[in-house]
Amino acid sequence: MSPFRLGLTGSIGMGKTATARLFAEEGCAVWDADAAVHRAYGRGGAAVAALRHAFPEAIEDGAVSRDALRRIIATDP
């Protein structure tokens, strides 16, 4: 059988992480979008410079503050 990609989507608490863990236990490669965003938003992450330019007040200690960014976006969508 040819390799294929499968996406897991759903709301909070729907079991995406648990399901991905089961796939990983069976030897499937798993890419975690949440972890990738945390890395991109972290100190020196790939998203920090662009977000600093667009929303400088969302940057704290060289990283994106998700809470600050959420407030900014909610105030002026």
Protein backbone atom coordinates (compact mmCIF):
# COMPACT_ATOMS: atom_id res chain seq x y z
CA MET A 1 0.00 0.00 0.00
CA SER A 2 1.26 3.49 -0.86
CA PRO A 3 1.96 5.92 2.00
CA PHE A 4 -0.70 8.54 2.57
CA ARG A 5 -1.37 11.49 4.86
CA LEU A 6 -4.21 11.63 7.31
CA GLY A 7 -5.28 14.78 9.12
CA LEU A 8 -6.86 14.76 12.57
CA THR A 9 -9.13 17.72 13.24
CA GLY A 10 -11.70 18.57 15.85
CA SER A 11 -12.63 20.86 18.70
CA ILE A 12 -10.87 21.04 22.04
CA GLY A 13 -11.24 17.83 24.02
CA MET A 14 -12.20 15.63 21.06
CA GLY A 15 -9.28 13.21 21.45
CA LYS A 16 -6.90 14.39 18.72
CA THR A 17 -3.82 14.03 20.91
CA ALA A 18 -4.86 10.61 22.21
CA THR A 19 -5.59 9.41 18.68
CA ALA A 20 -2.27 10.75 17.37
CA ARG A 21 -0.50 8.96 20.23
CA LEU A 22 -2.15 5.68 19.19
CA PHE A 23 -0.98 6.16 15.60
CA ALA A 24 2.55 6.94 16.82
CA GLU A 25 2.55 3.78 18.96
CA GLU A 26 1.80 1.83 15.78
CA GLY A 27 4.82 3.37 14.06
CA CYS A 28 3.14 6.18 12.14
CA ALA A 29 4.93 9.50 11.79
CA VAL A 30 2.97 12.22 13.58
CA TRP A 31 3.33 15.98 13.07
CA ASP A 32 1.81 18.08 15.86
CA ALA A 33 0.61 21.48 14.61
CA ASP A 34 0.15 22.79 18.16
CA ALA A 35 3.77 22.00 19.00
CA ALA A 36 4.92 23.65 15.76
CA VAL A 37 3.03 26.85 16.61
CA HIS A 38 4.51 26.88 20.12
CA ARG A 39 8.00 26.61 18.60
CA ALA A 40 7.23 29.38 16.06
CA TYR A 41 5.90 31.66 18.83
CA GLY A 42 8.72 30.86 21.27
CA ARG A 43 11.86 32.93 21.85
CA GLY A 44 13.67 33.17 18.51
CA GLY A 45 10.85 31.32 16.75
CA ALA A 46 10.05 31.77 13.07
CA ALA A 47 6.90 33.85 13.70
CA VAL A 48 8.33 36.30 16.22
CA ALA A 49 9.84 38.84 13.79
CA ALA A 50 6.73 39.11 11.62
CA LEU A 51 4.42 39.39 14.62
CA ARG A 52 6.75 41.92 16.27
CA HIS A 53 6.41 44.04 13.12
CA ALA A 54 2.60 43.73 12.98
CA PHE A 55 1.79 43.63 16.72
CA PRO A 56 4.80 44.82 18.76
CA GLU A 57 2.78 44.84 21.97
CA ALA A 58 2.25 41.06 21.62
CA ILE A 59 5.96 40.32 22.12
CA GLU A 60 7.20 39.66 25.65
CA ASP A 61 10.76 38.58 26.46
CA GLY A 62 11.47 37.81 22.80
CA ALA A 63 8.49 35.50 22.37
CA VAL A 64 4.88 35.91 21.25
CA SER A 65 2.46 36.20 24.16
CA ARG A 66 -0.55 34.21 23.02
CA ASP A 67 -2.73 35.99 25.59
CA ALA A 68 -1.61 39.44 24.42
CA LEU A 69 -2.05 38.50 20.75
CA ARG A 70 -5.52 37.11 21.50
CA ARG A 71 -6.53 40.38 23.23
CA ILE A 72 -5.22 42.49 20.34
CA ILE A 73 -7.03 40.44 17.72
CA ALA A 74 -10.27 40.35 19.72
CA THR A 75 -10.17 44.13 20.19
CA ASP A 76 -9.65 44.91 16.51
CA PRO A 77 -10.51 41.91 14.33
